[in-house]
């Protein structure tokens, strides 16, 4: 039997007042593991507010039982539910979320793309790196850009080779993100190939790319 207090809190997740919703999420998070099964059930409520707030609470509780249901929630028709599920999976940080998140890198929706990229960049696991390396040179420029940003945040030296190649990409945003990532990677890895390749970007036709190349070289101390 579900605790009546949890029933009331789940109902408050759909309250028109955002403050009431927030208070209900905070209360459910304080309940912790005992609220997880009830929150998972709430993911299938059908009301977007309830689903999104339930995903938010599950992400803060960080219980591994929520991973599968949150992955399913990535297919929800409501964008806010999907974004909240992405962020919940980011907080939990389990590598099982990596493959389901990869397809969002090809999304033209900047919000979905941003949150998926952020999540992949924070799930620091060997499986994440392997999955990103498989798509970092994709034909889709959104995928190249997002995976490059994520790899730069993770900081694994296995990304250096493909990122160097992406400094010649036809897309400005990809060259920019590759240069930025290599500045961070090069500062922590003594790879003599990085600085010469970044110097070539000092003549790039795009001002922002030239500027980020200079900043990257400063990080390398050259």
N, C-alpha and C. Protein backbone atom coordinates (compact mmCIF):
# COMPACT_ATOMS: atom_id res chain seq x y z
N UNK A 1 0.85 -1.20 0.00
CA UNK A 1 0.00 0.00 0.00
C UNK A 1 0.89 1.25 0.00
N UNK A 2 0.57 2.18 -0.89
CA UNK A 2 1.35 3.41 -0.99
C UNK A 2 1.06 4.32 0.21
N UNK A 3 2.10 4.86 0.76
CA UNK A 3 1.99 5.81 1.86
C UNK A 3 1.14 6.99 1.41
N UNK A 4 0.06 7.32 2.15
CA UNK A 4 -0.81 8.45 1.77
C UNK A 4 -0.05 9.77 1.60
N UNK A 5 1.03 9.93 2.35
CA UNK A 5 1.81 11.16 2.23
C UNK A 5 2.44 11.26 0.84
N UNK A 6 2.87 10.12 0.31
CA UNK A 6 3.46 10.12 -1.03
C UNK A 6 2.40 10.43 -2.08
N UNK A 7 1.20 9.91 -1.87
CA UNK A 7 0.10 10.19 -2.80
C UNK A 7 -0.15 11.69 -2.87
N UNK A 8 -0.19 12.34 -1.72
CA UNK A 8 -0.42 13.79 -1.68
C UNK A 8 0.72 14.54 -2.37
N UNK A 9 1.95 14.10 -2.16
CA UNK A 9 3.09 14.78 -2.76
C UNK A 9 3.10 14.59 -4.28
N UNK A 10 2.75 13.41 -4.75
CA UNK A 10 2.68 13.17 -6.20
C UNK A 10 1.61 14.06 -6.81
N UNK A 11 0.48 14.20 -6.12
CA UNK A 11 -0.58 15.08 -6.62
C UNK A 11 -0.08 16.51 -6.72
N UNK A 12 0.73 16.93 -5.76
CA UNK A 12 1.24 18.31 -5.76
C UNK A 12 2.23 18.57 -6.89
N UNK A 13 2.77 17.51 -7.49
CA UNK A 13 3.69 17.70 -8.61
C UNK A 13 2.99 18.35 -9.80
N UNK A 14 1.66 18.26 -9.85
CA UNK A 14 0.90 18.85 -10.96
C UNK A 14 0.18 20.13 -10.54
N UNK A 15 0.49 20.64 -9.35
CA UNK A 15 -0.16 21.86 -8.88
C UNK A 15 0.18 23.04 -9.79
N UNK A 16 -0.79 23.92 -10.07
CA UNK A 16 -0.51 25.08 -10.93
C UNK A 16 0.55 26.02 -10.37
N UNK A 17 0.76 25.98 -9.07
CA UNK A 17 1.74 26.87 -8.43
C UNK A 17 3.13 26.21 -8.48
N UNK A 18 4.09 26.83 -9.21
CA UNK A 18 5.44 26.24 -9.28
C UNK A 18 6.09 26.04 -7.91
N UNK A 19 5.77 26.92 -6.96
CA UNK A 19 6.36 26.78 -5.62
C UNK A 19 5.87 25.51 -4.94
N UNK A 20 4.61 25.16 -5.16
CA UNK A 20 4.07 23.93 -4.60
C UNK A 20 4.72 22.72 -5.23
N UNK A 21 4.92 22.78 -6.54
CA UNK A 21 5.61 21.70 -7.25
C UNK A 21 7.02 21.51 -6.68
N UNK A 22 7.73 22.62 -6.53
CA UNK A 22 9.11 22.57 -6.05
C UNK A 22 9.18 21.99 -4.64
N UNK A 23 8.22 22.40 -3.80
CA UNK A 23 8.20 21.90 -2.42
C UNK A 23 7.92 20.40 -2.41
N UNK A 24 7.06 19.94 -3.31
CA UNK A 24 6.76 18.51 -3.38
C UNK A 24 7.98 17.72 -3.84
N UNK A 25 8.70 18.24 -4.82
CA UNK A 25 9.92 17.58 -5.28
C UNK A 25 10.92 17.49 -4.13
N UNK A 26 11.12 18.58 -3.41
CA UNK A 26 12.07 18.59 -2.29
C UNK A 26 11.67 17.58 -1.22
N UNK A 27 10.37 17.50 -0.94
CA UNK A 27 9.90 16.57 0.08
C UNK A 27 10.11 15.13 -0.35
N UNK A 28 9.86 14.84 -1.62
CA UNK A 28 10.05 13.48 -2.14
C UNK A 28 11.52 13.10 -2.14
N UNK A 29 12.38 14.05 -2.43
CA UNK A 29 13.82 13.78 -2.39
C UNK A 29 14.26 13.47 -0.97
N UNK A 30 13.68 14.16 0.00
CA UNK A 30 14.01 13.89 1.40
C UNK A 30 13.56 12.49 1.82
N UNK A 31 12.43 12.04 1.28
CA UNK A 31 11.98 10.67 1.56
C UNK A 31 13.01 9.67 1.04
N UNK A 32 13.59 10.00 -0.11
CA UNK A 32 14.69 9.20 -0.64
C UNK A 32 14.28 7.88 -1.26
N UNK A 33 15.03 6.83 -0.96
CA UNK A 33 14.84 5.53 -1.61
C UNK A 33 13.41 5.00 -1.45
N UNK A 34 12.77 5.31 -0.35
CA UNK A 34 11.41 4.81 -0.11
C UNK A 34 10.40 5.41 -1.08
N UNK A 35 10.76 6.51 -1.73
CA UNK A 35 9.84 7.15 -2.68
C UNK A 35 10.10 6.73 -4.12
N UNK A 36 11.17 5.98 -4.37
CA UNK A 36 11.59 5.70 -5.75
C UNK A 36 10.53 4.96 -6.54
N UNK A 37 9.98 3.89 -6.00
CA UNK A 37 8.99 3.11 -6.75
C UNK A 37 7.76 3.95 -7.07
N UNK A 38 7.33 4.76 -6.13
CA UNK A 38 6.18 5.63 -6.36
C UNK A 38 6.50 6.66 -7.44
N UNK A 39 7.69 7.20 -7.42
CA UNK A 39 8.09 8.18 -8.44
C UNK A 39 8.20 7.52 -9.81
N UNK A 40 8.67 6.29 -9.87
CA UNK A 40 8.73 5.59 -11.15
C UNK A 40 7.33 5.41 -11.72
N UNK A 41 6.38 5.06 -10.86
CA UNK A 41 4.99 4.95 -11.31
C UNK A 41 4.49 6.29 -11.83
N UNK A 42 4.91 7.37 -11.18
CA UNK A 42 4.46 8.70 -11.58
C UNK A 42 4.98 9.10 -12.96
N UNK A 43 6.08 8.49 -13.39
CA UNK A 43 6.60 8.77 -14.73
C UNK A 43 5.60 8.40 -15.82
N UNK A 44 4.71 7.46 -15.50
CA UNK A 44 3.73 7.02 -16.51
C UNK A 44 2.37 7.68 -16.28
N UNK A 45 2.34 8.73 -15.48
CA UNK A 45 1.08 9.39 -15.12
C UNK A 45 0.32 9.94 -16.32
N UNK A 46 1.06 10.44 -17.32
CA UNK A 46 0.40 11.04 -18.50
C UNK A 46 0.35 12.55 -18.43
N UNK A 47 0.44 13.10 -17.23
CA UNK A 47 0.49 14.56 -17.06
C UNK A 47 1.95 14.98 -17.14
N UNK A 48 2.26 15.88 -18.06
CA UNK A 48 3.65 16.26 -18.30
C UNK A 48 4.30 16.85 -17.06
N UNK A 49 3.55 17.63 -16.28
CA UNK A 49 4.12 18.22 -15.07
C UNK A 49 4.51 17.14 -14.06
N UNK A 50 3.61 16.18 -13.88
CA UNK A 50 3.89 15.09 -12.94
C UNK A 50 5.11 14.31 -13.41
N UNK A 51 5.16 13.97 -14.70
CA UNK A 51 6.27 13.19 -15.25
C UNK A 51 7.60 13.92 -15.10
N UNK A 52 7.61 15.19 -15.47
CA UNK A 52 8.85 15.97 -15.42
C UNK A 52 9.33 16.13 -13.98
N UNK A 53 8.41 16.43 -13.08
CA UNK A 53 8.80 16.62 -11.68
C UNK A 53 9.22 15.30 -11.03
N UNK A 54 8.59 14.21 -11.43
CA UNK A 54 9.00 12.90 -10.92
C UNK A 54 10.41 12.57 -11.40
N UNK A 55 10.69 12.87 -12.66
CA UNK A 55 12.04 12.64 -13.20
C UNK A 55 13.07 13.49 -12.46
N UNK A 56 12.69 14.73 -12.17
CA UNK A 56 13.59 15.62 -11.41
C UNK A 56 13.92 15.02 -10.05
N UNK A 57 12.90 14.55 -9.35
CA UNK A 57 13.13 13.97 -8.03
C UNK A 57 13.98 12.70 -8.12
N UNK A 58 13.72 11.87 -9.11
CA UNK A 58 14.50 10.65 -9.28
C UNK A 58 15.97 10.96 -9.56
N UNK A 59 16.19 12.00 -10.34
CA UNK A 59 17.57 12.40 -10.62
C UNK A 59 18.30 12.86 -9.38
N UNK A 60 17.59 13.55 -8.50
CA UNK A 60 18.23 14.02 -7.27
C UNK A 60 18.45 12.90 -6.27
N UNK A 61 17.57 11.91 -6.27
CA UNK A 61 17.73 10.77 -5.35
C UNK A 61 18.87 9.87 -5.83
N UNK A 62 19.02 9.74 -7.15
CA UNK A 62 20.12 9.00 -7.77
C UNK A 62 20.09 7.50 -7.46
N UNK A 63 18.93 6.93 -7.43
CA UNK A 63 18.79 5.50 -7.22
C UNK A 63 18.86 4.78 -8.57
N UNK A 64 19.64 3.72 -8.65
CA UNK A 64 19.84 3.04 -9.94
C UNK A 64 18.57 2.37 -10.47
N UNK A 65 17.57 2.14 -9.61
CA UNK A 65 16.31 1.57 -10.09
C UNK A 65 15.61 2.47 -11.11
N UNK A 66 15.94 3.75 -11.09
CA UNK A 66 15.28 4.71 -11.97
C UNK A 66 15.86 4.75 -13.38
N UNK A 67 17.02 4.12 -13.59
CA UNK A 67 17.71 4.27 -14.87
C UNK A 67 16.86 3.78 -16.04
N UNK A 68 16.36 2.56 -15.96
CA UNK A 68 15.54 2.02 -17.04
C UNK A 68 14.30 2.86 -17.33
N UNK A 69 13.50 3.18 -16.31
CA UNK A 69 12.33 4.03 -16.55
C UNK A 69 12.68 5.41 -17.12
N UNK A 70 13.79 5.99 -16.68
CA UNK A 70 14.19 7.29 -17.21
C UNK A 70 14.61 7.18 -18.67
N UNK A 71 15.25 6.08 -19.04
CA UNK A 71 15.61 5.86 -20.44
C UNK A 71 14.35 5.77 -21.29
N UNK A 72 13.33 5.08 -20.78
CA UNK A 72 12.05 5.01 -21.50
C UNK A 72 11.44 6.40 -21.63
N UNK A 73 11.57 7.21 -20.59
CA UNK A 73 11.01 8.57 -20.60
C UNK A 73 11.66 9.46 -21.64
N UNK A 74 12.83 9.07 -22.15
CA UNK A 74 13.47 9.85 -23.22
C UNK A 74 12.63 9.86 -24.49
N UNK A 75 11.68 8.92 -24.59
CA UNK A 75 10.82 8.85 -25.78
C UNK A 75 9.51 9.62 -25.59
N UNK A 76 9.36 10.32 -24.48
CA UNK A 76 8.12 11.06 -24.21
C UNK A 76 7.89 12.12 -25.27
N UNK A 77 6.62 12.42 -25.53
CA UNK A 77 6.28 13.43 -26.55
C UNK A 77 6.47 14.86 -26.06
N UNK A 78 6.61 15.02 -24.74
CA UNK A 78 6.77 16.37 -24.17
C UNK A 78 8.25 16.67 -24.00
N UNK A 79 8.72 17.78 -24.58
CA UNK A 79 10.14 18.11 -24.55
C UNK A 79 10.66 18.30 -23.14
N UNK A 80 9.87 18.93 -22.25
CA UNK A 80 10.36 19.17 -20.89
C UNK A 80 10.55 17.87 -20.13
N UNK A 81 9.68 16.90 -20.39
CA UNK A 81 9.85 15.59 -19.76
C UNK A 81 11.17 14.97 -20.23
N UNK A 82 11.43 15.05 -21.53
CA UNK A 82 12.65 14.47 -22.09
C UNK A 82 13.89 15.16 -21.52
N UNK A 83 13.87 16.48 -21.47
CA UNK A 83 15.02 17.22 -20.94
C UNK A 83 15.26 16.87 -19.48
N UNK A 84 14.19 16.79 -18.71
CA UNK A 84 14.34 16.46 -17.29
C UNK A 84 14.86 15.04 -17.12
N UNK A 85 14.42 14.12 -17.98
CA UNK A 85 14.92 12.74 -17.92
C UNK A 85 16.41 12.70 -18.28
N UNK A 86 16.80 13.47 -19.29
CA UNK A 86 18.23 13.55 -19.66
C UNK A 86 19.05 14.04 -18.47
N UNK A 87 18.59 15.09 -17.83
CA UNK A 87 19.34 15.65 -16.71
C UNK A 87 19.36 14.71 -15.51
N UNK A 88 18.27 13.96 -15.32
CA UNK A 88 18.24 12.98 -14.23
C UNK A 88 19.27 11.87 -14.48
N UNK A 89 19.35 11.42 -15.73
CA UNK A 89 20.34 10.40 -16.07
C UNK A 89 21.76 10.94 -15.91
N UNK A 90 21.94 12.21 -16.22
CA UNK A 90 23.26 12.84 -16.02
C UNK A 90 23.63 12.82 -14.53
N UNK A 91 22.69 13.14 -13.68
CA UNK A 91 22.99 13.15 -12.24
C UNK A 91 23.32 11.75 -11.72
N UNK A 92 22.58 10.76 -12.19
CA UNK A 92 22.83 9.40 -11.73
C UNK A 92 24.18 8.91 -12.24
N UNK A 93 24.52 9.27 -13.50
CA UNK A 93 25.85 9.02 -14.02
C UNK A 93 26.14 7.58 -14.39
N UNK A 94 25.13 6.78 -14.64
CA UNK A 94 25.35 5.38 -14.99
C UNK A 94 25.61 5.24 -16.49
N UNK A 95 26.64 4.49 -16.90
CA UNK A 95 26.97 4.38 -18.33
C UNK A 95 25.89 3.70 -19.17
N UNK A 96 24.91 3.05 -18.53
CA UNK A 96 23.82 2.45 -19.31
C UNK A 96 23.01 3.51 -20.06
N UNK A 97 23.11 4.76 -19.62
CA UNK A 97 22.36 5.84 -20.27
C UNK A 97 23.06 6.35 -21.52
N UNK A 98 24.31 5.98 -21.73
CA UNK A 98 25.10 6.58 -22.81
C UNK A 98 24.51 6.31 -24.19
N UNK A 99 24.31 5.05 -24.53
CA UNK A 99 23.80 4.72 -25.87
C UNK A 99 22.43 5.36 -26.15
N UNK A 100 21.49 5.38 -25.19
CA UNK A 100 20.22 6.06 -25.45
C UNK A 100 20.34 7.57 -25.62
N UNK A 101 21.42 8.16 -25.08
CA UNK A 101 21.60 9.61 -25.19
C UNK A 101 22.27 10.02 -26.51
N UNK A 102 23.07 9.14 -27.09
CA UNK A 102 23.80 9.46 -28.32
C UNK A 102 22.90 9.98 -29.43
N UNK A 103 21.73 9.38 -29.70
CA UNK A 103 20.89 9.88 -30.80
C UNK A 103 20.49 11.35 -30.68
N UNK A 104 20.46 11.88 -29.46
CA UNK A 104 20.08 13.28 -29.28
C UNK A 104 21.14 14.24 -29.82
N UNK A 105 22.34 13.75 -30.05
CA UNK A 105 23.38 14.61 -30.62
C UNK A 105 23.05 15.02 -32.06
N UNK A 106 22.22 14.24 -32.73
CA UNK A 106 21.85 14.58 -34.11
C UNK A 106 20.63 15.48 -34.18
N UNK A 107 20.12 15.85 -33.01
CA UNK A 107 18.89 16.64 -32.95
C UNK A 107 19.14 18.10 -33.32
N UNK A 108 18.23 18.66 -34.12
CA UNK A 108 18.32 20.08 -34.47
C UNK A 108 17.80 20.98 -33.36
N UNK A 109 17.06 20.41 -32.43
CA UNK A 109 16.55 21.18 -31.29
C UNK A 109 17.73 21.51 -30.38
N UNK A 110 18.04 22.79 -30.27
CA UNK A 110 19.24 23.20 -29.54
C UNK A 110 19.17 22.83 -28.06
N UNK A 111 17.96 22.82 -27.50
CA UNK A 111 17.83 22.50 -26.08
C UNK A 111 18.12 21.02 -25.83
N UNK A 112 17.53 20.15 -26.64
CA UNK A 112 17.79 18.72 -26.48
C UNK A 112 19.26 18.41 -26.75
N UNK A 113 19.80 19.04 -27.79
CA UNK A 113 21.20 18.81 -28.13
C UNK A 113 22.12 19.25 -26.99
N UNK A 114 21.86 20.42 -26.44
CA UNK A 114 22.69 20.94 -25.35
C UNK A 114 22.66 20.02 -24.14
N UNK A 115 21.46 19.63 -23.70
CA UNK A 115 21.36 18.83 -22.48
C UNK A 115 21.95 17.43 -22.68
N UNK A 116 21.78 16.86 -23.86
CA UNK A 116 22.38 15.55 -24.13
C UNK A 116 23.90 15.64 -24.15
N UNK A 117 24.43 16.69 -24.76
CA UNK A 117 25.87 16.90 -24.78
C UNK A 117 26.43 17.07 -23.37
N UNK A 118 25.74 17.86 -22.57
CA UNK A 118 26.15 18.08 -21.18
C UNK A 118 26.15 16.76 -20.40
N UNK A 119 25.08 15.98 -20.60
CA UNK A 119 24.98 14.71 -19.88
C UNK A 119 26.11 13.76 -20.27
N UNK A 120 26.36 13.65 -21.56
CA UNK A 120 27.42 12.74 -22.02
C UNK A 120 28.79 13.20 -21.54
N UNK A 121 28.97 14.50 -21.45
CA UNK A 121 30.24 15.03 -20.98
C UNK A 121 30.47 14.83 -19.50
N UNK A 122 29.40 14.52 -18.76
CA UNK A 122 29.54 14.35 -17.31
C UNK A 122 29.46 12.90 -16.87
N UNK A 123 29.06 12.00 -17.77
CA UNK A 123 29.07 10.58 -17.44
C UNK A 123 30.46 10.05 -17.79
N UNK A 124 31.38 10.24 -16.90
CA UNK A 124 32.80 9.96 -17.18
C UNK A 124 33.09 8.48 -16.95
N UNK A 125 32.99 7.73 -18.04
CA UNK A 125 33.17 6.29 -17.98
C UNK A 125 33.79 5.84 -19.30
N UNK A 126 34.53 4.76 -19.26
CA UNK A 126 35.15 4.25 -20.48
C UNK A 126 34.13 3.96 -21.57
N UNK A 127 32.95 3.48 -21.20
CA UNK A 127 31.91 3.19 -22.19
C UNK A 127 31.44 4.47 -22.87
N UNK A 128 31.42 5.57 -22.12
CA UNK A 128 31.02 6.86 -22.71
C UNK A 128 32.02 7.28 -23.76
N UNK A 129 33.29 7.19 -23.44
CA UNK A 129 34.34 7.58 -24.37
C UNK A 129 34.28 6.72 -25.63
N UNK A 130 34.14 5.41 -25.45
CA UNK A 130 34.08 4.50 -26.59
C UNK A 130 32.91 4.83 -27.51
N UNK A 131 31.76 5.11 -26.92
CA UNK A 131 30.58 5.43 -27.71
C UNK A 131 30.75 6.75 -28.47
N UNK A 132 31.35 7.73 -27.82
CA UNK A 132 31.55 9.03 -28.46
C UNK A 132 32.59 8.94 -29.57
N UNK A 133 33.62 8.14 -29.36
CA UNK A 133 34.65 7.98 -30.39
C UNK A 133 34.08 7.32 -31.65
N UNK A 134 33.05 6.52 -31.49
CA UNK A 134 32.42 5.87 -32.64
C UNK A 134 31.67 6.86 -33.52
N UNK A 135 31.22 7.98 -32.93
CA UNK A 135 30.38 8.91 -33.69
C UNK A 135 31.03 10.28 -33.91
N UNK A 136 32.22 10.50 -33.34
CA UNK A 136 32.79 11.85 -33.35
C UNK A 136 33.11 12.34 -34.77
N UNK A 137 33.28 11.43 -35.70
CA UNK A 137 33.53 11.83 -37.09
C UNK A 137 32.34 11.48 -37.99
N UNK A 138 31.17 11.55 -37.40
CA UNK A 138 29.92 11.29 -38.12
C UNK A 138 29.72 12.28 -39.28
N UNK A 139 28.90 11.89 -40.25
CA UNK A 139 28.55 12.80 -41.34
C UNK A 139 27.66 13.94 -40.86
N UNK A 140 27.02 13.75 -39.72
CA UNK A 140 26.11 14.76 -39.16
C UNK A 140 26.94 15.76 -38.35
N UNK A 141 26.91 17.02 -38.76
CA UNK A 141 27.73 18.03 -38.08
C UNK A 141 27.29 18.25 -36.63
N UNK A 142 25.99 18.07 -36.35
CA UNK A 142 25.52 18.20 -34.98
C UNK A 142 26.15 17.13 -34.09
N UNK A 143 26.26 15.92 -34.64
CA UNK A 143 26.86 14.82 -33.88
C UNK A 143 28.35 15.09 -33.67
N UNK A 144 29.03 15.54 -34.71
CA UNK A 144 30.47 15.85 -34.57
C UNK A 144 30.68 16.92 -33.50
N UNK A 145 29.85 17.94 -33.56
CA UNK A 145 29.98 19.04 -32.59
C UNK A 145 29.71 18.56 -31.17
N UNK A 146 28.57 17.89 -30.96
CA UNK A 146 28.19 17.46 -29.62
C UNK A 146 29.16 16.46 -29.02
N UNK A 147 29.61 15.50 -29.82
CA UNK A 147 30.53 14.50 -29.30
C UNK A 147 31.89 15.11 -29.00
N UNK A 148 32.29 16.10 -29.80
CA UNK A 148 33.55 16.80 -29.55
C UNK A 148 33.50 17.54 -28.22
N UNK A 149 32.42 18.26 -27.98
CA UNK A 149 32.27 18.98 -26.72
C UNK A 149 32.30 18.01 -25.55
N UNK A 150 31.56 16.90 -25.67
CA UNK A 150 31.50 15.93 -24.58
C UNK A 150 32.86 15.30 -24.32
N UNK A 151 33.57 14.94 -25.38
CA UNK A 151 34.89 14.34 -25.21
C UNK A 151 35.86 15.32 -24.54
N UNK A 152 35.76 16.59 -24.90
CA UNK A 152 36.61 17.58 -24.26
C UNK A 152 36.35 17.69 -22.78
N UNK A 153 35.07 17.58 -22.38
CA UNK A 153 34.74 17.66 -20.97
C UNK A 153 35.21 16.43 -20.20
N UNK A 154 35.16 15.27 -20.84
CA UNK A 154 35.60 14.05 -20.17
C UNK A 154 37.12 14.06 -20.00
N UNK A 155 37.84 14.53 -21.02
CA UNK A 155 39.29 14.68 -20.89
C UNK A 155 40.10 13.43 -21.11
N UNK A 156 39.56 12.46 -21.84
CA UNK A 156 40.29 11.22 -22.09
C UNK A 156 41.24 11.42 -23.27
N UNK A 157 42.52 11.08 -23.12
CA UNK A 157 43.50 11.30 -24.20
C UNK A 157 43.22 10.51 -25.48
N UNK A 158 42.36 9.50 -25.41
CA UNK A 158 42.01 8.76 -26.62
C UNK A 158 41.31 9.64 -27.65
N UNK A 159 40.81 10.78 -27.19
CA UNK A 159 40.09 11.68 -28.09
C UNK A 159 41.03 12.57 -28.90
N UNK A 160 42.29 12.62 -28.56
CA UNK A 160 43.20 13.58 -29.18
C UNK A 160 43.29 13.39 -30.69
N UNK A 161 43.51 12.18 -31.16
CA UNK A 161 43.65 11.94 -32.60
C UNK A 161 42.46 12.42 -33.40
N UNK A 162 41.23 11.98 -33.09
CA UNK A 162 40.09 12.46 -33.89
C UNK A 162 39.85 13.95 -33.75
N UNK A 163 40.13 14.52 -32.60
CA UNK A 163 39.92 15.96 -32.43
C UNK A 163 40.91 16.76 -33.26
N UNK A 164 42.12 16.28 -33.38
CA UNK A 164 43.09 16.94 -34.26
C UNK A 164 42.59 16.94 -35.70
N UNK A 165 42.03 15.80 -36.13
CA UNK A 165 41.48 15.74 -37.50
C UNK A 165 40.32 16.71 -37.67
N UNK A 166 39.54 16.91 -36.62
CA UNK A 166 38.37 17.80 -36.73
C UNK A 166 38.75 19.28 -36.76
N UNK A 167 40.00 19.60 -36.53
CA UNK A 167 40.43 20.99 -36.68
C UNK A 167 40.34 21.44 -38.13
N UNK A 168 40.22 20.49 -39.06
CA UNK A 168 40.07 20.81 -40.48
C UNK A 168 38.62 20.68 -40.95
N UNK A 169 37.70 20.54 -40.02
CA UNK A 169 36.30 20.31 -40.39
C UNK A 169 35.73 21.48 -41.19
N UNK A 170 34.78 21.18 -42.07
CA UNK A 170 34.15 22.24 -42.88
C UNK A 170 33.24 23.11 -42.05
N UNK A 171 32.76 22.60 -40.92
CA UNK A 171 31.83 23.34 -40.07
C UNK A 171 32.59 24.17 -39.05
N UNK A 172 32.29 25.45 -39.00
CA UNK A 172 32.95 26.35 -38.05
C UNK A 172 32.77 25.89 -36.61
N UNK A 173 31.55 25.49 -36.25
CA UNK A 173 31.29 25.11 -34.85
C UNK A 173 32.09 23.88 -34.44
N UNK A 174 32.37 23.00 -35.41
CA UNK A 174 33.14 21.80 -35.09
C UNK A 174 34.62 22.16 -34.89
N UNK A 175 35.16 23.01 -35.77
CA UNK A 175 36.55 23.45 -35.59
C UNK A 175 36.70 24.16 -34.25
N UNK A 176 35.73 25.00 -33.92
CA UNK A 176 35.76 25.75 -32.66
C UNK A 176 35.78 24.79 -31.47
N UNK A 177 34.83 23.84 -31.44
CA UNK A 177 34.73 22.94 -30.30
C UNK A 177 35.94 22.01 -30.21
N UNK A 178 36.50 21.61 -31.37
CA UNK A 178 37.70 20.77 -31.36
C UNK A 178 38.89 21.52 -30.79
N UNK A 179 39.05 22.79 -31.18
CA UNK A 179 40.15 23.60 -30.66
C UNK A 179 40.00 23.81 -29.15
N UNK A 180 38.80 24.10 -28.72
CA UNK A 180 38.55 24.29 -27.29
C UNK A 180 38.89 23.03 -26.51
N UNK A 181 38.41 21.88 -27.01
CA UNK A 181 38.65 20.62 -26.33
C UNK A 181 40.13 20.28 -26.28
N UNK A 182 40.83 20.53 -27.38
CA UNK A 182 42.26 20.22 -27.43
C UNK A 182 43.07 21.12 -26.50
N UNK A 183 42.61 22.33 -26.29
CA UNK A 183 43.29 23.20 -25.33
C UNK A 183 43.27 22.60 -23.94
N UNK A 184 42.10 22.03 -23.56
CA UNK A 184 42.00 21.39 -22.25
C UNK A 184 42.76 20.07 -22.21
N UNK A 185 42.62 19.28 -23.26
CA UNK A 185 43.30 17.98 -23.30
C UNK A 185 44.83 18.15 -23.34
N UNK A 186 45.28 19.11 -24.14
CA UNK A 186 46.71 19.33 -24.27
C UNK A 186 47.35 19.83 -23.00
N UNK A 187 46.58 20.56 -22.19
CA UNK A 187 47.12 21.08 -20.93
C UNK A 187 47.40 19.95 -19.94
N UNK A 188 46.74 18.81 -20.16
CA UNK A 188 46.90 17.68 -19.23
C UNK A 188 47.60 16.48 -19.87
N UNK A 189 47.94 16.61 -21.14
CA UNK A 189 48.61 15.51 -21.85
C UNK A 189 49.72 16.09 -22.72
N UNK A 190 50.91 15.59 -22.55
CA UNK A 190 52.07 16.12 -23.28
C UNK A 190 52.12 15.50 -24.68
N UNK A 191 51.27 16.02 -25.58
CA UNK A 191 51.25 15.52 -26.95
C UNK A 191 51.79 16.61 -27.87
N UNK A 192 52.94 16.40 -28.48
CA UNK A 192 53.58 17.45 -29.27
C UNK A 192 52.86 17.83 -30.56
N UNK A 193 51.85 17.07 -30.94
CA UNK A 193 51.14 17.35 -32.19
C UNK A 193 50.10 18.45 -32.04
N UNK A 194 49.66 18.69 -30.82
CA UNK A 194 48.51 19.58 -30.63
C UNK A 194 48.83 21.03 -30.95
N UNK A 195 49.89 21.56 -30.38
CA UNK A 195 50.21 22.98 -30.56
C UNK A 195 50.41 23.36 -32.03
N UNK A 196 51.20 22.60 -32.82
CA UNK A 196 51.36 22.98 -34.23
C UNK A 196 50.05 23.01 -35.00
N UNK A 197 49.16 22.07 -34.68
CA UNK A 197 47.88 22.04 -35.39
C UNK A 197 46.99 23.20 -34.98
N UNK A 198 47.06 23.57 -33.71
CA UNK A 198 46.27 24.72 -33.27
C UNK A 198 46.80 26.01 -33.89
N UNK A 199 48.10 26.11 -34.08
CA UNK A 199 48.67 27.32 -34.69
C UNK A 199 48.12 27.54 -36.09
N UNK A 200 47.83 26.48 -36.80
CA UNK A 200 47.28 26.63 -38.15
C UNK A 200 45.93 27.31 -38.14
N UNK A 201 45.21 27.18 -37.02
CA UNK A 201 43.89 27.82 -36.92
C UNK A 201 43.99 29.32 -36.68
N UNK A 202 45.18 29.81 -36.41
CA UNK A 202 45.34 31.26 -36.23
C UNK A 202 45.08 32.00 -37.53
N UNK A 203 45.04 31.28 -38.65
CA UNK A 203 44.71 31.86 -39.95
C UNK A 203 43.32 31.44 -40.43
N UNK A 204 42.54 30.88 -39.53
CA UNK A 204 41.19 30.43 -39.90
C UNK A 204 40.35 31.62 -40.36
N UNK A 205 39.46 31.42 -41.33
CA UNK A 205 38.62 32.53 -41.80
C UNK A 205 37.62 33.04 -40.76
N UNK A 206 37.35 32.25 -39.74
CA UNK A 206 36.37 32.67 -38.73
C UNK A 206 37.07 33.28 -37.52
N UNK A 207 36.61 34.46 -37.11
CA UNK A 207 37.23 35.16 -35.98
C UNK A 207 37.16 34.34 -34.70
N UNK A 208 36.00 33.73 -34.42
CA UNK A 208 35.84 32.98 -33.18
C UNK A 208 36.76 31.77 -33.12
N UNK A 209 36.97 31.13 -34.25
CA UNK A 209 37.88 29.99 -34.29
C UNK A 209 39.31 30.46 -34.04
N UNK A 210 39.69 31.57 -34.67
CA UNK A 210 41.04 32.10 -34.44
C UNK A 210 41.24 32.44 -32.97
N UNK A 211 40.21 33.03 -32.37
CA UNK A 211 40.31 33.45 -30.98
C UNK A 211 40.43 32.25 -30.04
N UNK A 212 39.62 31.21 -30.28
CA UNK A 212 39.67 30.05 -29.39
C UNK A 212 40.99 29.30 -29.58
N UNK A 213 41.55 29.34 -30.79
CA UNK A 213 42.86 28.71 -31.01
C UNK A 213 43.93 29.42 -30.19
N UNK A 214 43.86 30.77 -30.14
CA UNK A 214 44.82 31.52 -29.32
C UNK A 214 44.67 31.15 -27.84
N UNK A 215 43.43 31.07 -27.39
CA UNK A 215 43.20 30.72 -25.99
C UNK A 215 43.70 29.32 -25.68
N UNK A 216 43.48 28.40 -26.62
CA UNK A 216 43.94 27.02 -26.42
C UNK A 216 45.46 26.97 -26.32
N UNK A 217 46.14 27.73 -27.18
CA UNK A 217 47.60 27.76 -27.16
C UNK A 217 48.11 28.36 -25.85
N UNK A 218 47.39 29.34 -25.33
CA UNK A 218 47.77 29.92 -24.03
C UNK A 218 47.67 28.86 -22.92
N UNK A 219 46.63 28.02 -22.99
CA UNK A 219 46.49 26.95 -22.01
C UNK A 219 47.68 25.99 -22.07
N UNK A 220 48.21 25.81 -23.28
CA UNK A 220 49.36 24.91 -23.46
C UNK A 220 50.68 25.58 -23.04
N UNK A 221 50.60 26.90 -22.84
CA UNK A 221 51.80 27.61 -22.45
C UNK A 221 52.78 27.84 -23.57
N UNK A 222 52.23 27.92 -24.81
CA UNK A 222 53.12 28.14 -25.96
C UNK A 222 52.69 29.37 -26.74
